[in-house]
Amino acid sequence: MGVKIVVFGAGLVGSVIARDLAREWDVEVTVADGSDARVKQLTSEARVKGIVEDLSKPGTIRQIASDFDMAVGALPGFMGKSMVKQVIEAGRNIVDISFSPEDYRDLDGLAREKGVTAVIDCGVAPGMSNILVARGASVLDEPESAVIYVGGLPQVRHWPYEYKIVFSPIDVIEEYTRPARVVENGNVVAKPALSELELIDFPGIGTLEAFNTDGLRTLVDTVKIPNMKEKTLRFPGHAEKMRILRETGFFGYDPVDVNGVQVRPIDVTARLLFPLWEMKEGDRDFTVMRVEVEGKKGGRKVRCVWEMVDYYDEKTGTTSMARTTGYTASVIARFLAAGVFKHKGICPPELIATDENAFRLLLAELEAKGIIYREKIIEI
């Protein structure tokens, strides 16, 4: 057997990553998760081994990682940084999709000391969005602005929220509460989540609303574009509902007194909302992304545009968001295993764009899986 890879997390995306990696016969895949049911289901359906452990226990991830050649992280954001740190301490490479609020780059010294490559934020957005923005900046002589529009949505709209969970529920709430960092005139500015609402038309899909979210991540430091922002896409009207819940306090973590009982509002909200948002039998999703980078090339004003629309995979029963997120991670994990991508330390995904071979190979591998990023360069 060839490379031994452990995938931390057997949820919506982690299970897809594990299945995809297991299709390679020179890869031995093990999934580690705290849920016995999830592990049993995955190991019964794919060529994957399983470990059932409480991954929140100190040192558990480090101990597990030390038995493998490399790791892939697919845990909720609040566990992400601890996981990456423990894998680095074990001296193993990792590709991670966790949407953690923390900055991983203070682990760069440790990663370099251990000779480890840790590719972080390696999903669709952040992830492919970072890569395409960085690619646009490298194509232009004078990049001036970049905007990312991205969202995962149900194919059939159901009142009242017209939304379905296609990744970690808690990370969805983070999109509605975490301040969004944008770049304006070269300065990093924090704006409220759900702010600067606008309507965008997408051919074949219709009109969607877009609002600020904190998806630029490392791009605010690594790519020199004076104006950048990321906006999440939903069906029109969704953002207003989320603003009402947020401003009323339903997303709060501080306990409130209810008839003598201390209750966290977020726990009540999660209990009520998540069952409504959960994808049920017969539900289908799609993912849409548009990345626009504008600037000058050869003295002319140019716009570089990448568009991707992907749908639920009927043959495999895989959600589009799991496909677009998970396959980005699994392809780049293969790059690490094969030595295609060799940077050491904490590696934001945009570094892939600086490697012509890795960038083109990534697009080709994703296209082979039916995920196509269509490129247009337009004079404006």
Protein backbone atom coordinates (compact mmCIF):
# COMPACT_ATOMS: atom_id res chain seq x y z
CA MET A 1 0.00 0.00 0.00
CA GLY A 2 1.17 3.51 -0.79
CA VAL A 3 0.39 6.69 1.11
CA LYS A 4 -1.56 6.43 4.37
CA ILE A 5 -3.93 9.38 4.84
CA VAL A 6 -6.17 10.16 7.80
CA VAL A 7 -9.23 12.38 7.29
CA PHE A 8 -10.35 14.12 10.47
CA GLY A 9 -14.13 14.46 10.26
CA ALA A 10 -16.73 12.18 8.66
CA GLY A 11 -19.41 14.80 8.09
CA LEU A 12 -20.94 16.11 4.87
CA VAL A 13 -17.60 17.12 3.34
CA GLY A 14 -15.12 14.90 5.19
CA SER A 15 -16.90 11.76 4.00
CA VAL A 16 -16.72 12.95 0.38
CA ILE A 17 -12.99 13.68 0.71
CA ALA A 18 -12.38 10.23 2.18
CA ARG A 19 -14.38 8.49 -0.56
CA ASP A 20 -12.58 10.39 -3.30
CA LEU A 21 -9.11 9.67 -1.93
CA ALA A 22 -10.04 6.01 -1.47
CA ARG A 23 -10.67 5.68 -5.20
CA GLU A 24 -6.89 5.77 -5.67
CA TRP A 25 -5.54 2.27 -5.13
CA ASP A 26 -2.15 3.51 -3.95
CA VAL A 27 -3.79 5.39 -1.05
CA GLU A 28 -4.93 3.89 2.24
CA VAL A 29 -7.60 6.10 3.80
CA THR A 30 -8.76 6.18 7.41
CA VAL A 31 -11.43 8.52 8.75
CA ALA A 32 -11.40 9.67 12.39
CA ASP A 33 -14.56 11.06 13.95
CA GLY A 34 -16.37 11.18 17.28
CA SER A 35 -19.54 9.66 15.82
CA ASP A 36 -19.63 5.88 15.73
CA ALA A 37 -22.65 5.99 13.39
CA ARG A 38 -20.94 8.21 10.82
CA VAL A 39 -17.76 6.13 10.85
CA LYS A 40 -19.66 2.85 10.50
CA GLN A 41 -21.71 4.15 7.59
CA LEU A 42 -18.67 5.42 5.72
CA THR A 43 -16.54 2.33 6.29
CA SER A 44 -19.39 0.08 5.16
CA GLU A 45 -19.82 1.97 1.90
CA ALA A 46 -16.25 2.82 0.84
CA ARG A 47 -12.73 1.40 0.92
CA VAL A 48 -12.06 3.37 4.11
CA LYS A 49 -10.97 2.36 7.61
CA GLY A 50 -12.36 4.05 10.70
CA ILE A 51 -11.30 5.42 14.09
CA VAL A 52 -13.92 6.52 16.62
CA GLU A 53 -12.41 8.95 19.11
CA ASP A 54 -13.33 12.19 20.85
CA LEU A 55 -11.15 14.50 18.77
CA SER A 56 -11.64 17.38 21.21
CA LYS A 57 -9.56 15.59 23.87
CA PRO A 58 -6.09 17.21 24.16
CA GLY A 59 -3.42 15.35 22.19
CA THR A 60 -5.79 12.86 20.54
CA ILE A 61 -5.39 14.28 17.04
CA ARG A 62 -1.60 14.48 17.40
CA GLN A 63 -1.46 10.85 18.49
CA ILE A 64 -3.65 9.67 15.61
CA ALA A 65 -1.82 11.76 12.99
CA SER A 66 1.55 10.31 13.98
CA ASP A 67 0.45 6.92 12.61
CA PHE A 68 -0.15 8.29 9.10
CA ASP A 69 1.83 9.87 6.28
CA MET A 70 -0.43 12.94 6.04
CA ALA A 71 -3.81 14.31 7.10
CA VAL A 72 -6.84 16.12 5.74
CA GLY A 73 -8.87 18.29 8.10
CA ALA A 74 -12.65 18.51 7.77
CA LEU A 75 -13.75 19.47 11.27
CA PRO A 76 -15.95 22.43 12.29
CA GLY A 77 -14.15 25.77 12.41
CA PHE A 78 -13.92 25.95 16.20
CA MET A 79 -11.73 22.81 16.19
CA GLY A 80 -9.69 23.74 13.11
CA LYS A 81 -6.64 25.49 14.48
CA SER A 82 -6.08 23.02 17.31
CA MET A 83 -6.26 20.19 14.80
CA VAL A 84 -3.75 21.79 12.43
CA LYS A 85 -1.37 22.53 15.30
CA GLN A 86 -1.49 18.94 16.55
CA VAL A 87 -0.89 17.52 13.06
CA ILE A 88 2.10 19.85 12.63
CA GLU A 89 3.43 18.76 16.03
CA ALA A 90 3.22 15.19 14.76
CA GLY A 91 5.39 16.25 11.81
CA ARG A 92 2.77 15.45 9.17
CA ASN A 93 1.55 17.43 6.15
CA ILE A 94 -2.09 18.54 6.20
CA VAL A 95 -4.71 19.98 3.87
CA ASP A 96 -7.47 21.70 5.84
CA ILE A 97 -10.93 23.04 4.94
CA SER A 98 -11.95 24.29 8.42
CA PHE A 99 -13.55 27.75 8.45
CA SER A 100 -11.78 28.83 11.64
CA PRO A 101 -11.94 32.44 12.87
CA GLU A 102 -8.31 32.26 14.02
CA ASP A 103 -5.19 33.14 12.04
CA TYR A 104 -3.17 30.02 11.39
CA ARG A 105 -0.07 31.84 10.25
CA ASP A 106 1.40 32.08 13.74
CA LEU A 107 1.99 28.34 13.30
CA ASP A 108 4.28 28.99 10.31
CA GLY A 109 7.50 28.84 12.36
CA LEU A 110 6.50 25.53 13.92
CA ALA A 111 5.52 24.09 10.53
CA ARG A 112 8.84 25.09 8.96
CA GLU A 113 10.75 23.72 11.93
CA LYS A 114 8.95 20.39 11.48
CA GLY A 115 9.37 20.48 7.67
CA VAL A 116 5.59 20.40 7.27
CA THR A 117 3.35 21.72 4.49
CA ALA A 118 -0.02 22.87 5.84
CA VAL A 119 -2.41 24.07 3.14
CA ILE A 120 -5.20 25.92 4.95
CA ASP A 121 -8.65 27.17 3.86
CA CYS A 122 -8.56 24.60 1.08
CA GLY A 123 -12.21 24.39 0.01
CA VAL A 124 -14.26 26.21 -2.59
CA ALA A 125 -14.47 29.57 -0.75
CA PRO A 126 -12.15 30.12 0.90
CA GLY A 127 -9.95 27.97 -1.28
CA MET A 128 -10.59 28.09 -5.02
CA SER A 129 -11.76 31.68 -4.61
CA ASN A 130 -8.35 32.63 -3.17
CA ILE A 131 -6.55 30.79 -5.94
CA LEU A 132 -8.52 32.54 -8.69
CA VAL A 133 -8.11 36.01 -7.18
CA ALA A 134 -4.35 35.45 -6.94
CA ARG A 135 -4.32 34.14 -10.50
CA GLY A 136 -6.11 37.25 -11.73
CA ALA A 137 -3.62 39.47 -9.90
CA SER A 138 -0.71 37.64 -11.55
CA VAL A 139 -2.25 37.97 -15.03
CA LEU A 140 -2.69 41.75 -14.78
CA ASP A 141 0.07 44.37 -14.76
CA GLU A 142 -1.86 46.58 -12.31
CA PRO A 143 -4.66 44.76 -10.47
CA GLU A 144 -7.16 47.24 -9.04
CA SER A 145 -10.13 45.31 -7.65
CA ALA A 146 -11.39 41.81 -6.93
CA VAL A 147 -14.79 40.53 -5.88
CA ILE A 148 -15.87 37.00 -5.04
CA TYR A 149 -19.53 35.97 -5.27
CA VAL A 150 -20.24 32.47 -3.94
CA GLY A 151 -23.08 30.46 -2.49
CA GLY A 152 -24.53 27.00 -2.02
CA LEU A 153 -28.31 26.85 -2.40
CA PRO A 154 -31.21 24.39 -2.68
CA GLN A 155 -32.49 23.71 -6.19
CA VAL A 156 -36.07 23.95 -4.87
CA ARG A 157 -36.98 26.91 -2.66
CA HIS A 158 -39.02 26.26 0.49
CA TRP A 159 -40.50 29.03 2.63
CA PRO A 160 -39.56 30.60 5.02
CA TYR A 161 -35.75 30.44 4.70
CA GLU A 162 -35.24 29.07 1.17
CA TYR A 163 -31.95 27.59 2.34
CA LYS A 164 -30.51 24.17 3.17
CA ILE A 165 -27.38 23.28 5.12
CA VAL A 166 -24.65 21.99 2.82
CA PHE A 167 -21.78 22.24 5.33
CA SER A 168 -21.27 22.66 9.10
CA PRO A 169 -24.36 24.38 10.61
CA ILE A 170 -22.34 26.36 13.15
CA ASP A 171 -20.09 27.64 10.34
CA VAL A 172 -23.20 28.84 8.48
CA ILE A 173 -24.17 30.97 11.49
CA GLU A 174 -20.60 32.36 11.51
CA GLU A 175 -21.25 33.80 8.04
CA TYR A 176 -24.09 35.84 9.51
CA THR A 177 -22.26 37.08 12.61
CA ARG A 178 -18.52 37.31 12.01
CA PRO A 179 -17.41 40.80 10.86
CA ALA A 180 -16.34 40.77 7.21
CA ARG A 181 -12.87 42.06 6.40
CA VAL A 182 -12.74 43.87 3.07
CA VAL A 183 -9.98 45.90 1.44
CA GLU A 184 -10.79 49.48 0.41
CA ASN A 185 -8.15 51.76 -1.10
CA GLY A 186 -5.42 49.51 0.27
CA ASN A 187 -6.79 49.47 3.82
CA VAL A 188 -8.34 46.51 5.61
CA VAL A 189 -11.78 47.49 6.87
CA ALA A 190 -14.16 45.44 9.04
CA LYS A 191 -17.81 45.60 7.99
CA PRO A 192 -20.82 43.88 9.55
CA ALA A 193 -21.73 40.50 8.15
CA LEU A 194 -24.83 40.65 5.91
CA SER A 195 -24.04 44.27 4.96
CA GLU A 196 -24.00 46.02 1.54
CA LEU A 197 -26.77 43.90 0.06
CA GLU A 198 -26.97 43.83 -3.74
CA LEU A 199 -28.86 41.81 -6.37
CA ILE A 200 -26.88 39.84 -8.98
CA ASP A 201 -28.23 38.04 -12.06
CA PHE A 202 -26.79 34.64 -13.00
CA PRO A 203 -27.76 33.16 -16.39
CA GLY A 204 -29.79 29.99 -15.99
CA ILE A 205 -30.28 30.60 -12.27
CA GLY A 206 -31.92 34.00 -11.93
CA THR A 207 -31.48 36.80 -9.43
CA LEU A 208 -29.63 36.19 -6.17
CA GLU A 209 -28.75 38.55 -3.35
CA ALA A 210 -25.15 39.07 -2.23
CA PHE A 211 -23.87 40.36 1.11
CA ASN A 212 -20.49 40.83 2.78
CA THR A 213 -18.91 37.81 4.49
CA ASP A 214 -15.47 37.17 5.95
CA GLY A 215 -14.12 35.04 3.12
CA LEU A 216 -11.05 36.98 1.95
CA ARG A 217 -9.04 35.45 4.78
CA THR A 218 -5.30 35.53 3.96
CA LEU A 219 -5.90 37.40 0.69
CA VAL A 220 -5.97 40.69 2.62
CA ASP A 221 -2.22 40.26 3.23
CA THR A 222 -0.90 38.00 0.48
CA VAL A 223 -2.31 39.64 -2.68
CA LYS A 224 -1.71 43.30 -3.40
CA ILE A 225 -5.04 44.44 -4.79
CA PRO A 226 -6.26 47.77 -3.35
CA ASN A 227 -9.96 46.83 -3.37
CA MET A 228 -11.24 43.35 -2.50
CA LYS A 229 -14.36 41.79 -1.03
CA GLU A 230 -16.20 38.50 -0.75
CA LYS A 231 -19.97 38.24 -0.88
CA THR A 232 -22.12 35.22 -0.10
CA LEU A 233 -25.12 34.46 -2.32
CA ARG A 234 -28.63 33.54 -1.17
CA PHE A 235 -32.12 33.77 -2.61
CA PRO A 236 -33.55 37.30 -2.21
CA GLY A 237 -35.01 37.95 1.24
CA HIS A 238 -32.84 35.51 3.20
CA ALA A 239 -30.38 38.12 4.49
CA GLU A 240 -33.14 40.26 6.00
CA LYS A 241 -34.43 37.27 8.00
CA MET A 242 -30.93 36.54 9.29
CA ARG A 243 -30.39 40.19 10.25
CA ILE A 244 -33.61 40.16 12.26
CA LEU A 245 -32.52 37.01 14.14
CA ARG A 246 -29.04 38.40 14.76
CA GLU A 247 -30.14 41.83 15.93
CA THR A 248 -32.77 40.28 18.22
CA GLY A 249 -30.03 38.22 19.86
CA PHE A 250 -30.88 34.74 18.64
CA PHE A 251 -27.26 34.12 17.58
CA GLY A 252 -25.84 35.17 20.97
CA TYR A 253 -23.57 32.93 23.05
CA ASP A 254 -24.03 34.71 26.39
CA PRO A 255 -26.67 32.97 28.55
CA VAL A 256 -29.95 34.72 29.30
CA ASP A 257 -32.32 33.99 32.17
CA VAL A 258 -35.56 32.22 31.17
CA ASN A 259 -37.74 31.54 34.20
CA GLY A 260 -34.70 30.95 36.36
CA VAL A 261 -32.86 28.82 33.80
CA GLN A 262 -29.69 30.05 32.06
CA VAL A 263 -30.02 29.44 28.32
CA ARG A 264 -27.68 30.35 25.44
CA PRO A 265 -29.77 31.85 22.62
CA ILE A 266 -27.60 30.17 19.98
CA ASP A 267 -28.50 26.74 21.39
CA VAL A 268 -32.23 27.44 21.10
CA THR A 269 -31.78 28.90 17.62
CA ALA A 270 -29.76 25.90 16.47
CA ARG A 271 -32.35 23.49 17.85
CA LEU A 272 -35.15 25.24 15.96
CA LEU A 273 -33.39 26.32 12.76
CA PHE A 274 -31.15 23.40 11.88
CA PRO A 275 -33.96 20.84 11.44
CA LEU A 276 -35.59 23.25 8.98
CA TRP A 277 -32.32 23.77 7.12
CA GLU A 278 -31.26 20.13 7.05
CA MET A 279 -31.20 18.51 3.62
CA LYS A 280 -33.80 15.76 3.53
CA GLU A 281 -34.44 12.82 1.22
CA GLY A 282 -34.99 14.15 -2.27
CA ASP A 283 -33.41 17.56 -1.65
CA ARG A 284 -30.85 18.73 -4.20
CA ASP A 285 -28.41 21.66 -4.12
CA PHE A 286 -26.26 23.71 -6.44
CA THR A 287 -23.16 25.88 -6.02
CA VAL A 288 -22.47 29.08 -7.90
CA MET A 289 -19.30 31.18 -7.89
CA ARG A 290 -18.13 34.19 -9.85
CA VAL A 291 -14.68 35.73 -9.32
CA GLU A 292 -13.91 39.06 -11.00
CA VAL A 293 -10.49 40.70 -10.97
CA GLU A 294 -10.09 44.05 -12.74
CA GLY A 295 -7.04 46.10 -13.59
CA LYS A 296 -4.72 47.12 -16.39
CA LYS A 297 -2.78 44.96 -18.79
CA GLY A 298 -0.69 46.48 -21.54
CA GLY A 299 -2.18 49.87 -20.72
CA ARG A 300 -5.75 48.64 -21.27
CA LYS A 301 -8.52 48.07 -18.72
CA VAL A 302 -9.19 44.34 -18.39
CA ARG A 303 -11.52 42.16 -16.35
CA CYS A 304 -10.63 38.51 -15.61
CA VAL A 305 -13.72 36.45 -14.79
CA TRP A 306 -14.09 32.86 -13.62
CA GLU A 307 -17.56 31.33 -13.29
CA MET A 308 -18.59 27.95 -11.91
CA VAL A 309 -22.03 26.41 -11.51
CA ASP A 310 -22.23 22.90 -10.14
CA TYR A 311 -25.19 20.66 -9.27
CA TYR A 312 -25.96 17.75 -6.97
CA ASP A 313 -24.46 14.53 -8.34
CA GLU A 314 -27.35 12.13 -8.92
CA LYS A 315 -25.07 9.16 -9.65
CA THR A 316 -23.19 9.29 -6.35
CA GLY A 317 -25.74 11.13 -4.18
CA THR A 318 -23.14 13.82 -3.41
CA THR A 319 -24.14 17.40 -2.65
CA SER A 320 -22.64 20.06 -4.87
CA MET A 321 -21.13 21.95 -1.94
CA ALA A 322 -19.44 18.76 -0.73
CA ARG A 323 -18.15 18.14 -4.27
CA THR A 324 -16.80 21.64 -4.87
CA THR A 325 -15.30 21.91 -1.38
CA GLY A 326 -14.15 18.35 -0.85
CA TYR A 327 -12.67 17.70 -4.27
CA THR A 328 -10.53 20.84 -4.05
CA ALA A 329 -9.06 19.44 -0.83
CA SER A 330 -8.66 15.87 -2.11
CA VAL A 331 -6.92 16.98 -5.32
CA ILE A 332 -4.48 19.19 -3.41
CA ALA A 333 -3.91 16.38 -0.89
CA ARG A 334 -2.82 14.23 -3.83
CA PHE A 335 -0.51 17.04 -4.93
CA LEU A 336 1.20 16.95 -1.54
CA ALA A 337 1.44 13.17 -1.55
CA ALA A 338 2.97 13.21 -5.06
CA GLY A 339 5.33 16.12 -4.39
CA VAL A 340 3.61 18.38 -6.95
CA PHE A 341 3.29 21.17 -4.35
CA LYS A 342 6.36 21.50 -2.13
CA HIS A 343 6.14 24.79 -0.19
CA LYS A 344 6.88 24.41 3.52
CA GLY A 345 5.10 26.13 6.38
CA ILE A 346 1.56 27.48 6.57
CA CYS A 347 0.42 27.75 2.95
CA PRO A 348 -2.64 29.80 2.02
CA PRO A 349 -4.32 28.29 -1.06
CA GLU A 350 -3.40 31.30 -3.20
CA LEU A 351 0.17 30.00 -3.30
CA ILE A 352 -1.12 27.37 -5.74
CA ALA A 353 -1.72 30.18 -8.26
CA THR A 354 1.98 31.05 -8.26
CA ASP A 355 2.82 27.52 -9.47
CA GLU A 356 1.75 27.31 -13.13
CA ASN A 357 1.94 23.52 -13.23
CA ALA A 358 -0.03 23.03 -10.01
CA PHE A 359 -2.66 25.62 -11.04
CA ARG A 360 -3.33 24.09 -14.46
CA LEU A 361 -3.30 20.58 -13.04
CA LEU A 362 -5.80 21.57 -10.34
CA LEU A 363 -8.26 22.98 -12.91
CA ALA A 364 -7.84 19.87 -15.08
CA GLU A 365 -8.39 17.47 -12.17
CA LEU A 366 -11.52 19.33 -11.07
CA GLU A 367 -12.83 19.44 -14.64
CA ALA A 368 -12.39 15.68 -14.84
CA LYS A 369 -14.77 15.49 -11.87
CA GLY A 370 -17.27 17.76 -13.62
CA ILE A 371 -16.39 20.94 -11.74
CA ILE A 372 -15.52 23.52 -14.39
CA TYR A 373 -14.24 27.04 -13.80
CA ARG A 374 -14.88 28.90 -17.05
CA GLU A 375 -12.41 31.70 -17.71
CA LYS A 376 -13.10 34.93 -19.62
CA ILE A 377 -10.77 37.90 -20.10
CA ILE A 378 -12.68 40.98 -21.22
CA GLU A 379 -11.53 44.45 -22.25
CA ILE A 380 -13.67 47.07 -20.52
